[in-house]
């Protein structure tokens, strides 16, 4: 079996009352100066931030980021840093670090979660309680294990890592020591405990160019419930992403034996004309013959009925030779599996994963809330007709999306999030063709059967 593996200009002070958490020491290498230019940013006093220590390296590309706790001293190269600080990769070990008693210690051991970054409070994320996560340089934080994947859909990111995660901007990014900062901080927002993960002035890979700055802020709503703010301060020079348009099919609920017509989770941007494509299978498909036929005969695909979310798959460029499904996925024997089709024609463009996803370690089920599904990254750039830094969701603050979870289920309705009804005409003025508050509830949830999250509970970690 294969290994089974998501406007009105408003002063910041008017949006959130932010108070410092307990003071934390900075690492030895001073951070680069950064002044946010927008109003979405959650600023935290410098003494409360825990920064990425670069230990003299010039840049970090495709790196997992680990938390080194207070009182641990590590030396790498010519730099000595005392925790708390963050470190990229997994190079530090007991030969580099000692605790307060001068005893050698491995500060970032993954099985014990020593290297995960603490929130200061628990969250119930799709039925599992977490109080820490592993960020990476590619715009994500992972809950079950560290990972450095990039430029894929949320479903792919969950499957390849076999981990649940959040992705304020899941692209191919790099930290450059002369420009970039990464920091995390425990703080309060509007009087509630919060944790901030911040990527400042990251570059696009692999050119040392661009200014890509964003945050994810998790705000404790009590009982494991939380709200999340996805904040964007700059999106300039990004030239990566996943190949769009894509379509995702659950091989149990989205197929009918004897038919080449599949029900996709969403068909946004998928062409109605016959389109050459590629595909990925997630998990272990029961219908290996169907997957093999797709591989040998194309695939070619097109939207049949956008309202019904149906896509047909074919073996030739005229879409006249169907590739039929033989059997539905046998989840009892083979666990869950999915098919992701990708446009491989001249109309292809790149999109970026924004949102969160979960991977069930026992069933291989994936659930996701993808906020910018199949949106062309060129439309999101600073200065574009509909830039990311001017978009908003459930708020009138430009550059901020707000979603949350209640009882382990994704919530996008502003009233359920405790936000009231956001700005009316002001919200409409943000130019959001794809995001418009609670109206996106049905569209934002990809998996789990028409937007219903999987009901399950795993162990607390």
Protein backbone atom coordinates (compact mmCIF):
# COMPACT_ATOMS: atom_id res chain seq x y z
CA UNK A 1 0.00 0.00 0.00
CA UNK A 2 1.25 3.48 -0.76
CA UNK A 3 2.01 5.67 2.25
CA UNK A 4 -1.15 7.67 2.95
CA UNK A 5 -0.10 10.71 3.70
CA UNK A 6 -5.63 24.12 3.69
CA UNK A 7 -11.97 49.58 1.95
CA UNK A 8 -11.74 51.81 4.76
CA UNK A 9 -8.37 52.89 6.11
CA UNK A 10 -8.46 52.00 9.76
CA UNK A 11 -5.87 52.74 12.42
CA UNK A 12 -4.37 49.61 13.96
CA UNK A 13 -5.25 50.79 17.42
CA UNK A 14 -8.90 50.89 16.42
CA UNK A 15 -8.82 47.30 15.23
CA UNK A 16 -7.13 45.51 18.11
CA UNK A 17 -5.99 46.38 21.59
CA UNK A 18 -2.66 44.58 21.77
CA UNK A 19 -0.88 44.01 25.07
CA UNK A 20 2.55 42.40 25.56
CA UNK A 21 3.01 38.91 26.91
CA UNK A 22 5.76 37.96 29.33
CA UNK A 23 9.11 39.29 28.11
CA UNK A 24 11.27 37.01 26.00
CA UNK A 25 14.93 37.58 25.18
CA UNK A 26 16.01 38.08 21.59
CA UNK A 27 18.64 35.93 19.93
CA UNK A 28 22.19 37.23 19.53
CA UNK A 29 21.92 38.31 15.90
CA UNK A 30 19.82 41.48 15.76
CA UNK A 31 16.81 41.41 13.44
CA UNK A 32 16.53 43.49 10.31
CA UNK A 33 14.47 46.69 10.59
CA UNK A 34 10.92 46.33 9.33
CA UNK A 35 8.13 48.89 9.36
CA UNK A 36 4.71 47.65 8.15
CA UNK A 37 3.07 49.84 5.54
CA UNK A 38 -0.52 48.62 5.86
CA UNK A 39 -3.07 48.54 8.69
CA UNK A 40 -3.57 44.79 9.00
CA UNK A 41 -0.37 44.17 10.97
CA UNK A 42 -0.38 42.99 14.57
CA UNK A 43 2.66 44.60 16.13
CA UNK A 44 4.18 43.15 19.28
CA UNK A 45 6.92 44.84 21.37
CA UNK A 46 10.36 43.73 20.20
CA UNK A 47 11.21 42.30 23.62
CA UNK A 48 8.26 39.89 23.40
CA UNK A 49 9.22 38.46 20.01
CA UNK A 50 11.18 35.26 19.49
CA UNK A 51 13.22 35.67 16.29
CA UNK A 52 14.80 33.26 13.86
CA UNK A 53 18.54 33.13 14.60
CA UNK A 54 20.49 32.72 11.36
CA UNK A 55 23.84 31.75 12.97
CA UNK A 56 25.65 33.67 10.24
CA UNK A 57 24.01 31.92 7.30
CA UNK A 58 23.09 34.18 4.39
CA UNK A 59 19.72 32.64 3.58
CA UNK A 60 17.36 29.76 4.33
CA UNK A 61 15.40 28.05 1.58
CA UNK A 62 12.82 25.29 2.16
CA UNK A 63 13.55 25.04 5.86
CA UNK A 64 11.55 23.84 8.83
CA UNK A 65 11.74 26.24 11.78
CA UNK A 66 12.28 24.99 15.33
CA UNK A 67 11.81 26.66 18.72
CA UNK A 68 14.69 26.59 21.22
CA UNK A 69 13.42 27.11 24.75
CA UNK A 70 14.53 29.63 27.35
CA UNK A 71 17.80 28.86 29.13
CA UNK A 72 19.27 26.68 26.35
CA UNK A 73 22.53 28.00 24.90
CA UNK A 74 23.66 26.89 21.46
CA UNK A 75 26.77 27.65 19.45
CA UNK A 76 26.98 27.19 15.69
CA UNK A 77 29.79 28.63 13.65
CA UNK A 78 30.96 31.76 15.40
CA UNK A 79 27.57 32.65 16.90
CA UNK A 80 26.26 31.76 20.36
CA UNK A 81 22.57 32.30 21.09
CA UNK A 82 20.59 31.76 24.26
CA UNK A 83 16.94 30.70 24.08
CA UNK A 84 14.27 31.44 23.46
CA UNK A 85 15.10 31.72 19.78
CA UNK A 86 14.13 30.00 16.53
CA UNK A 87 16.45 28.00 14.32
CA UNK A 88 16.10 26.78 10.73
CA UNK A 89 16.60 23.15 9.80
CA UNK A 90 17.49 20.44 12.28
CA UNK A 91 21.25 21.02 12.50
CA UNK A 92 21.41 21.82 16.22
CA UNK A 93 21.82 18.86 18.54
CA UNK A 94 23.31 17.92 21.91
CA UNK A 95 26.83 18.59 20.61
CA UNK A 96 25.90 22.27 20.05
CA UNK A 97 23.62 23.06 22.99
CA UNK A 98 23.58 22.96 26.78
CA UNK A 99 20.84 23.73 29.31
CA UNK A 100 21.10 26.04 32.33
CA UNK A 101 23.08 23.35 34.22
CA UNK A 102 25.58 22.99 31.34
CA UNK A 103 24.17 19.56 30.48
CA UNK A 104 24.17 18.77 26.74
CA UNK A 105 20.63 18.78 25.38
CA UNK A 106 18.96 18.22 22.00
CA UNK A 107 16.75 21.34 21.88
CA UNK A 108 14.54 20.47 18.90
CA UNK A 109 13.67 16.80 19.31
CA UNK A 110 10.57 16.20 17.15
CA UNK A 111 9.01 13.17 18.90
CA UNK A 112 8.84 15.11 22.18
CA UNK A 113 7.67 18.28 20.38
CA UNK A 114 10.51 20.21 22.04
CA UNK A 115 11.10 22.07 18.79
CA UNK A 116 7.49 23.13 18.21
CA UNK A 117 6.57 26.77 18.84
CA UNK A 118 4.19 27.20 21.81
CA UNK A 119 0.88 29.07 21.53
CA UNK A 120 0.28 29.68 25.24
CA UNK A 121 -3.22 28.17 24.97
CA UNK A 122 -4.86 25.11 23.36
CA UNK A 123 -6.86 25.08 20.12
CA UNK A 124 -9.25 22.40 18.87
CA UNK A 125 -8.30 22.02 15.21
CA UNK A 126 -10.59 19.58 13.37
CA UNK A 127 -11.08 17.58 16.56
CA UNK A 128 -7.48 17.44 17.79
CA UNK A 129 -6.18 19.69 20.55
CA UNK A 130 -2.86 21.41 19.85
CA UNK A 131 -0.88 23.94 21.86
CA UNK A 132 2.12 24.30 19.52
CA UNK A 133 3.17 23.96 15.87
CA UNK A 134 6.21 23.89 13.58
CA UNK A 135 6.45 26.83 11.14
CA UNK A 136 8.57 26.81 7.99
CA UNK A 137 10.13 29.33 5.63
CA UNK A 138 7.48 28.55 2.99
CA UNK A 139 4.57 30.27 4.68
CA UNK A 140 3.02 27.47 6.75
CA UNK A 141 2.75 26.03 10.23
CA UNK A 142 2.36 22.25 10.76
CA UNK A 143 0.73 20.59 13.75
CA UNK A 144 1.65 16.89 13.62
CA UNK A 145 5.21 16.99 12.27
CA UNK A 146 7.52 19.56 10.67
CA UNK A 147 7.58 19.86 6.89
CA UNK A 148 8.95 22.26 4.25
CA UNK A 149 6.72 21.56 1.21
CA UNK A 150 5.60 24.47 -1.00
CA UNK A 151 3.77 25.53 -4.16
CA UNK A 152 0.92 23.03 -3.82
CA UNK A 153 -2.78 23.01 -2.97
CA UNK A 154 -3.84 22.62 0.65
CA UNK A 155 -4.95 19.04 0.02
CA UNK A 156 -1.54 18.17 -1.42
CA UNK A 157 0.27 19.86 1.47
CA UNK A 158 -1.74 17.84 3.99
CA UNK A 159 -1.19 14.57 2.14
CA UNK A 160 2.53 14.86 1.47
CA UNK A 161 3.29 15.90 5.06
CA UNK A 162 0.71 13.61 6.69
CA UNK A 163 0.10 16.56 8.98
CA UNK A 164 -2.59 19.13 9.59
CA UNK A 165 -1.49 22.71 9.03
CA UNK A 166 -2.28 26.37 8.42
CA UNK A 167 -0.95 28.33 5.47
CA UNK A 168 -1.22 32.11 5.38
CA UNK A 169 0.78 31.92 2.14
CA UNK A 170 2.02 28.46 1.15
CA UNK A 171 4.55 29.38 -1.55
CA UNK A 172 8.21 28.85 -2.38
CA UNK A 173 9.83 31.54 -0.26
CA UNK A 174 13.26 32.14 1.22
CA UNK A 175 14.69 34.01 4.19
CA UNK A 176 17.62 36.31 3.40
CA UNK A 177 19.78 37.47 6.31
CA UNK A 178 20.12 41.01 4.95
CA UNK A 179 16.36 41.60 4.52
CA UNK A 180 14.14 39.06 6.22
CA UNK A 181 12.83 38.34 9.70
CA UNK A 182 10.76 35.50 11.03
CA UNK A 183 9.34 35.82 14.52
CA UNK A 184 6.66 34.46 16.80
CA UNK A 185 5.17 35.98 19.93
CA UNK A 186 2.57 35.26 22.55
CA UNK A 187 0.48 38.36 23.18
CA UNK A 188 -3.12 39.48 23.63
CA UNK A 189 -5.49 40.81 20.97
CA UNK A 190 -8.67 42.58 22.06
CA UNK A 191 -8.03 41.27 25.57
CA UNK A 192 -7.81 37.61 24.48
CA UNK A 193 -4.67 35.43 24.51
CA UNK A 194 -3.11 35.24 21.05
CA UNK A 195 -0.04 33.95 19.25
CA UNK A 196 1.51 35.57 16.18
CA UNK A 197 3.65 33.97 13.45
CA UNK A 198 5.25 36.58 11.19
CA UNK A 199 7.19 36.41 7.91
CA UNK A 200 8.75 39.85 7.17
CA UNK A 201 10.30 40.81 3.83
CA UNK A 202 10.77 37.26 2.60
CA UNK A 203 12.01 36.78 -0.96
CA UNK A 204 10.57 34.66 -3.70
CA UNK A 205 12.67 31.60 -4.48
CA UNK A 206 15.24 31.56 -5.80
CA UNK A 207 16.31 35.02 -6.85
CA UNK A 208 16.78 37.01 -3.62
CA UNK A 209 14.13 39.42 -4.87
CA UNK A 210 10.67 40.40 -3.74
CA UNK A 211 9.05 41.74 -0.59
CA UNK A 212 6.56 39.24 0.78
CA UNK A 213 5.32 40.00 4.30
CA UNK A 214 2.42 38.33 6.09
CA UNK A 215 1.22 36.90 9.42
CA UNK A 216 -1.14 34.39 10.93
CA UNK A 217 -2.59 35.35 14.30
CA UNK A 218 -4.46 32.76 16.38
CA UNK A 219 -6.79 34.29 18.96
CA UNK A 220 -8.16 32.18 21.81
CA UNK A 221 -11.97 32.17 21.97
CA UNK A 222 -12.11 29.71 24.88
CA UNK A 223 -12.76 25.98 25.10
CA UNK A 224 -10.39 25.25 22.22
CA UNK A 225 -12.29 27.60 19.88
CA UNK A 226 -10.28 30.23 18.07
CA UNK A 227 -10.29 32.90 15.40
CA UNK A 228 -7.46 33.27 12.90
CA UNK A 229 -6.34 36.47 11.21
CA UNK A 230 -4.45 36.10 7.94
CA UNK A 231 -2.67 39.47 7.61
CA UNK A 232 -0.91 40.70 4.44
CA UNK A 233 1.40 43.72 4.38
CA UNK A 234 3.19 43.22 1.07
CA UNK A 235 3.00 40.81 -1.86
CA UNK A 236 5.62 41.95 -4.32
CA UNK A 237 7.84 39.92 -6.63
CA UNK A 238 6.27 36.50 -5.99
CA UNK A 239 6.61 34.27 -9.07
CA UNK A 240 5.81 30.79 -7.78
CA UNK A 241 2.69 28.79 -6.84
CA UNK A 242 0.82 25.63 -7.76
CA UNK A 243 -0.19 24.90 -11.35
CA UNK A 244 -3.79 26.02 -11.79
CA UNK A 245 -6.45 25.38 -12.48
CA UNK A 246 -6.84 22.26 -10.35
CA UNK A 247 -9.77 20.07 -9.41
CA UNK A 248 -9.95 17.60 -6.53
CA UNK A 249 -12.12 14.47 -6.52
CA UNK A 250 -12.90 12.17 -3.59
CA UNK A 251 -12.57 8.67 -5.07
CA UNK A 252 -15.36 7.35 -2.86
CA UNK A 253 -18.03 10.07 -3.01
CA UNK A 254 -17.10 11.72 -6.32
CA UNK A 255 -17.17 8.80 -8.74
CA UNK A 256 -19.69 6.40 -10.34
CA UNK A 257 -18.57 3.04 -11.73
CA UNK A 258 -18.95 2.86 -15.51
CA UNK A 259 -18.83 6.64 -15.92
CA UNK A 260 -16.08 9.12 -16.78
CA UNK A 261 -17.95 11.96 -15.08
CA UNK A 262 -16.49 12.92 -11.69
CA UNK A 263 -17.83 15.25 -9.01
CA UNK A 264 -15.13 17.71 -7.95
CA UNK A 265 -15.03 19.59 -4.68
CA UNK A 266 -14.80 22.87 -6.62
CA UNK A 267 -14.46 23.75 -10.30
CA UNK A 268 -13.44 27.42 -10.01
CA UNK A 269 -11.41 28.34 -13.07
CA UNK A 270 -11.44 24.85 -14.60
CA UNK A 271 -11.94 25.17 -18.39
CA UNK A 272 -15.09 23.94 -20.11
CA UNK A 273 -13.01 23.20 -23.22
CA UNK A 274 -11.10 19.91 -23.51
CA UNK A 275 -7.85 20.51 -21.63
CA UNK A 276 -4.67 18.49 -21.35
CA UNK A 277 -3.65 17.89 -17.76
CA UNK A 278 -1.53 16.10 -15.21
CA UNK A 279 -2.74 14.43 -12.05
CA UNK A 280 -1.70 13.37 -8.56
CA UNK A 281 -3.32 10.64 -6.55
CA UNK A 282 -3.43 11.04 -2.77
CA UNK A 283 -3.52 7.84 -0.76
CA UNK A 284 -3.88 4.37 -2.27
CA UNK A 285 -6.61 4.29 -4.96
CA UNK A 286 -8.60 1.06 -4.99
CA UNK A 287 -9.24 1.53 -8.70
CA UNK A 288 -5.64 1.17 -9.85
CA UNK A 289 -6.82 0.38 -13.40
CA UNK A 290 -8.59 3.75 -13.64
CA UNK A 291 -5.50 5.61 -12.44
CA UNK A 292 -3.30 3.65 -14.85
CA UNK A 293 -5.63 4.47 -17.75
CA UNK A 294 -5.44 8.16 -16.90
CA UNK A 295 -1.66 7.95 -16.90
CA UNK A 296 -1.44 6.22 -20.27
CA UNK A 297 -4.12 8.23 -22.04
CA UNK A 298 -3.64 11.83 -21.02
CA UNK A 299 -5.49 12.80 -19.00
CA UNK A 300 -7.70 15.32 -20.73
CA UNK A 301 -10.54 16.87 -18.79
CA UNK A 302 -13.19 19.56 -18.91
CA UNK A 303 -16.05 20.92 -16.82
CA UNK A 304 -19.35 19.37 -17.82
CA UNK A 305 -21.69 21.19 -15.45
CA UNK A 306 -20.28 23.93 -13.24
CA UNK A 307 -23.38 24.07 -11.04
CA UNK A 308 -23.16 20.33 -10.39
CA UNK A 309 -19.35 20.53 -10.06
CA UNK A 310 -18.91 17.71 -12.59
CA UNK A 311 -15.76 17.11 -14.63
CA UNK A 312 -15.29 14.49 -17.34
CA UNK A 313 -11.96 12.74 -18.02
CA UNK A 314 -10.80 11.50 -21.40
CA UNK A 315 -7.94 9.73 -23.15
CA UNK A 316 -7.61 12.03 -26.16
CA UNK A 317 -7.37 15.72 -27.01
CA UNK A 318 -10.82 15.76 -28.64
CA UNK A 319 -12.42 14.42 -25.45
CA UNK A 320 -14.12 11.62 -27.35
CA UNK A 321 -12.47 8.57 -25.68
CA UNK A 322 -13.74 8.35 -22.10
CA UNK A 323 -11.69 6.99 -19.20
CA UNK A 324 -14.27 5.29 -17.01
CA UNK A 325 -14.16 4.56 -13.31
CA UNK A 326 -14.44 0.86 -12.43
CA UNK A 327 -15.05 0.84 -8.64
CA UNK A 328 -15.46 3.34 -5.82
CA UNK A 329 -12.76 3.67 -3.18
CA UNK A 330 -12.79 0.84 -0.63
CA UNK A 331 -12.04 2.91 2.45
CA UNK A 332 -12.40 -0.05 4.81
CA UNK A 333 -9.47 -1.79 3.11
CA UNK A 334 -7.52 1.02 1.43
CA UNK A 335 -8.42 4.16 3.44
CA UNK A 336 -9.42 7.42 1.78
CA UNK A 337 -7.96 8.47 -1.56
CA UNK A 338 -8.30 11.46 -3.87
CA UNK A 339 -7.51 12.48 -7.44
CA UNK A 340 -6.17 15.96 -8.19
CA UNK A 341 -6.30 17.08 -11.83
CA UNK A 342 -4.08 19.96 -12.96
CA UNK A 343 -4.34 22.07 -16.10
CA UNK A 344 -1.30 21.44 -18.31
CA UNK A 345 -2.40 23.49 -21.31
CA UNK A 346 -1.31 26.94 -22.51
CA UNK A 347 -3.96 28.49 -20.26
CA UNK A 348 -2.11 27.27 -17.15
CA UNK A 349 -1.29 29.85 -14.47
CA UNK A 350 -0.07 29.74 -10.88
CA UNK A 351 -2.10 30.09 -7.69
CA UNK A 352 -1.09 29.99 -4.02
CA UNK A 353 -2.41 28.01 -1.05
CA UNK A 354 -4.09 30.19 1.61
CA UNK A 355 -6.14 28.63 4.40
CA UNK A 356 -5.82 25.39 6.36
CA UNK A 357 -6.12 21.65 6.00
CA UNK A 358 -6.21 18.53 8.13
CA UNK A 359 -4.92 15.02 7.55
CA UNK A 360 -6.41 12.11 9.52
CA UNK A 361 -3.56 9.80 10.40
CA UNK A 362 -5.91 6.82 10.79
CA UNK A 363 -8.21 7.18 7.77
CA UNK A 364 -6.16 9.34 5.33
CA UNK A 365 -9.14 11.71 5.09
CA UNK A 366 -8.32 15.29 4.18
CA UNK A 367 -10.41 18.36 4.94
CA UNK A 368 -9.52 21.89 3.91
CA UNK A 369 -10.65 25.50 3.77
CA UNK A 370 -8.89 27.12 0.81
CA UNK A 371 -9.46 30.87 0.64
CA UNK A 372 -7.81 31.68 -2.71
CA UNK A 373 -8.53 28.49 -4.62
CA UNK A 374 -7.33 28.77 -8.26
CA UNK A 375 -6.83 32.55 -8.01
CA UNK A 376 -4.05 33.76 -10.33
CA UNK A 377 -1.11 35.07 -8.28
CA UNK A 378 -0.63 37.86 -10.84
CA UNK A 379 -3.98 39.26 -9.68
CA UNK A 380 -2.75 39.29 -6.06
CA UNK A 381 0.44 41.33 -6.52
CA UNK A 382 0.91 44.82 -5.15
CA UNK A 383 -0.37 47.25 -7.76
CA UNK A 384 -2.55 44.68 -9.53
CA UNK A 385 -6.22 45.36 -10.16
CA UNK A 386 -7.26 43.29 -7.12
CA UNK A 387 -4.16 43.01 -4.86
CA UNK A 388 -3.94 40.74 -1.86
CA UNK A 389 -3.05 43.64 0.43
CA UNK A 390 -6.42 45.27 -0.37
CA UNK A 391 -8.60 42.17 -0.07
CA UNK A 392 -10.47 41.31 3.12
CA UNK A 393 -12.83 38.76 4.56
CA UNK A 394 -15.17 39.29 7.54
CA UNK A 395 -13.58 42.66 8.29
CA UNK A 396 -13.18 46.10 6.74
CA UNK A 397 -9.42 46.01 7.37
CA UNK A 398 -7.60 45.77 4.01
CA UNK A 399 -5.15 42.90 3.86
CA UNK A 400 -6.90 40.75 6.48
CA UNK A 401 -8.98 37.57 6.22
CA UNK A 402 -10.72 36.22 9.32
CA UNK A 403 -11.95 32.66 9.71
CA UNK A 404 -12.05 30.37 12.75
CA UNK A 405 -13.13 27.08 14.23
CA UNK A 406 -15.85 26.24 16.73
CA UNK A 407 -15.91 22.73 18.14
CA UNK A 408 -13.26 21.65 15.64
CA UNK A 409 -15.29 22.75 12.59
CA UNK A 410 -14.33 25.60 10.25
CA UNK A 411 -16.53 28.70 10.63
CA UNK A 412 -16.64 31.62 8.20
CA UNK A 413 -19.88 33.29 9.25
CA UNK A 414 -19.06 36.64 10.92
CA UNK A 415 -21.79 36.32 13.56
CA UNK A 416 -20.56 32.85 14.56
CA UNK A 417 -17.06 34.29 14.80
CA UNK A 418 -18.31 37.02 17.14
CA UNK A 419 -17.58 39.71 14.57
CA UNK A 420 -21.08 41.05 13.89
CA UNK A 421 -21.81 42.09 10.33
CA UNK A 422 -18.77 43.61 8.61
CA UNK A 423 -18.74 46.90 6.75
CA UNK A 424 -21.47 46.76 4.12
CA UNK A 425 -20.53 49.18 1.34
CA UNK A 426 -17.02 49.50 2.73
CA UNK A 427 -16.45 45.76 2.45
CA UNK A 428 -17.81 45.70 -1.07
CA UNK A 429 -15.37 48.45 -2.01
CA UNK A 430 -12.43 46.09 -1.45
CA UNK A 431 -12.98 44.61 -4.89
CA UNK A 432 -13.45 41.06 -3.70
CA UNK A 433 -14.89 39.01 -6.51
CA UNK A 434 -13.99 35.78 -4.73
CA UNK A 435 -14.25 36.72 -1.05
CA UNK A 436 -17.30 38.42 0.44
CA UNK A 437 -17.80 37.51 4.07
CA UNK A 438 -20.22 34.81 5.07
CA UNK A 439 -21.37 34.26 1.50
CA UNK A 440 -18.28 32.13 0.87
CA UNK A 441 -19.18 29.56 3.56
CA UNK A 442 -20.26 26.86 1.12
CA UNK A 443 -17.49 27.56 -1.34
CA UNK A 444 -14.57 27.86 1.04
CA UNK A 445 -14.76 24.29 2.36
CA UNK A 446 -13.31 21.80 -0.07
CA UNK A 447 -13.56 18.34 1.41
CA UNK A 448 -15.59 16.27 3.82
CA UNK A 449 -18.70 16.13 1.68
CA UNK A 450 -20.00 19.50 0.49
CA UNK A 451 -18.27 21.45 3.22
CA UNK A 452 -19.10 19.28 6.23
CA UNK A 453 -16.00 18.71 8.33
CA UNK A 454 -15.17 15.15 9.34
CA UNK A 455 -16.43 14.40 12.83
CA UNK A 456 -13.59 12.78 14.67
CA UNK A 457 -11.29 13.27 17.61
CA UNK A 458 -7.69 12.31 17.91
CA UNK A 459 -5.30 12.49 20.82
CA UNK A 460 -4.28 15.75 22.42
CA UNK A 461 -0.79 16.83 21.36
